[in-house]
């Protein structure tokens, strides 16, 4: 069988099965933006408090200052994220 003959070959399908093929809709994952937002939010929510605590600890700040700053960031972070976007 030549390549030209192969291109023109048709497969016969029973009419009732053909209607199933014609009405086929492919389902895709549509919540990509939600997953992206969750991943970025969790990443940001874990990184910023850790960086703040590490920075204050390396500056030889008292533990009460590190704790107070961590609590303040824990309250201010979600508010700023909520207002920003």
Protein backbone atom coordinates (compact mmCIF):
# COMPACT_ATOMS: atom_id res chain seq x y z
CA UNK A 1 0.00 0.00 0.00
CA UNK A 2 1.46 3.35 -0.99
CA UNK A 3 1.48 6.47 1.16
CA UNK A 4 -1.20 8.11 -1.02
CA UNK A 5 -3.54 5.15 -0.58
CA UNK A 6 -2.97 5.20 3.16
CA UNK A 7 -3.98 8.88 3.41
CA UNK A 8 -7.29 8.29 1.68
CA UNK A 9 -8.32 5.19 3.64
CA UNK A 10 -11.50 5.70 5.63
CA UNK A 11 -12.71 3.75 8.59
CA UNK A 12 -16.40 2.98 8.54
CA UNK A 13 -18.15 3.51 11.85
CA UNK A 14 -21.68 2.55 12.71
CA UNK A 15 -23.98 5.63 12.68
CA UNK A 16 -25.00 5.29 16.35
CA UNK A 17 -21.34 5.20 17.40
CA UNK A 18 -20.48 8.10 15.10
CA UNK A 19 -22.91 10.34 17.00
CA UNK A 20 -21.01 9.55 20.21
CA UNK A 21 -17.79 10.68 18.57
CA UNK A 22 -19.36 13.87 17.20
CA UNK A 23 -20.64 14.99 20.61
CA UNK A 24 -17.49 14.20 22.56
CA UNK A 25 -16.29 17.04 24.76
CA UNK A 26 -12.89 16.82 26.35
CA UNK A 27 -12.64 17.86 29.97
CA UNK A 28 -9.63 19.81 31.17
CA UNK A 29 -8.49 21.00 34.58
CA UNK A 30 -9.87 24.56 34.76
CA UNK A 31 -8.75 25.62 38.23
CA UNK A 32 -5.17 26.41 37.25
CA UNK A 33 -5.35 29.97 38.49
CA UNK A 34 -6.64 28.88 41.89
CA UNK A 35 -3.84 26.35 42.31
CA UNK A 36 -1.27 28.97 41.28
CA UNK A 37 -2.67 31.47 43.80
CA UNK A 38 -2.61 28.88 46.58
CA UNK A 39 1.00 27.91 45.88
CA UNK A 40 2.17 31.52 45.73
CA UNK A 41 0.20 32.40 48.86
CA UNK A 42 1.61 29.53 50.89
CA UNK A 43 5.12 30.29 49.67
CA UNK A 44 4.79 33.95 50.58
CA UNK A 45 3.11 33.16 53.88
CA UNK A 46 5.99 30.93 54.95
CA UNK A 47 8.90 32.93 53.54
CA UNK A 48 8.22 36.42 54.91
CA UNK A 49 7.82 35.49 58.62
CA UNK A 50 10.90 33.27 58.46
CA UNK A 51 12.98 36.01 56.82
CA UNK A 52 11.79 38.54 59.40
CA UNK A 53 12.65 36.26 62.32
CA UNK A 54 16.03 35.34 60.83
CA UNK A 55 16.88 38.98 60.16
CA UNK A 56 15.93 40.15 63.63
CA UNK A 57 17.68 37.21 65.28
CA UNK A 58 20.90 37.89 63.40
CA UNK A 59 20.70 41.54 64.48
CA UNK A 60 21.00 40.32 68.08
CA UNK A 61 17.51 41.55 68.93
CA UNK A 62 15.91 40.39 72.15
CA UNK A 63 13.60 37.40 71.80
CA UNK A 64 10.64 39.51 72.91
CA UNK A 65 11.25 41.88 69.95
CA UNK A 66 11.51 38.94 67.52
CA UNK A 67 8.28 37.48 68.92
CA UNK A 68 6.45 40.83 68.80
CA UNK A 69 7.61 41.48 65.23
CA UNK A 70 6.53 37.97 64.20
CA UNK A 71 3.06 38.46 65.66
CA UNK A 72 2.77 41.89 64.03
CA UNK A 73 3.78 40.46 60.65
CA UNK A 74 1.37 37.57 61.15
CA UNK A 75 -1.45 40.08 61.49
CA UNK A 76 -0.30 42.63 58.89
CA UNK A 77 0.67 40.12 56.18
CA UNK A 78 -2.81 38.72 55.48
CA UNK A 79 -4.35 42.20 55.65
CA UNK A 80 -1.91 43.59 53.09
CA UNK A 81 -2.38 40.55 50.83
CA UNK A 82 -6.15 40.89 51.07
CA UNK A 83 -6.09 44.58 50.23
CA UNK A 84 -3.53 44.19 47.47
CA UNK A 85 -5.15 41.66 45.45
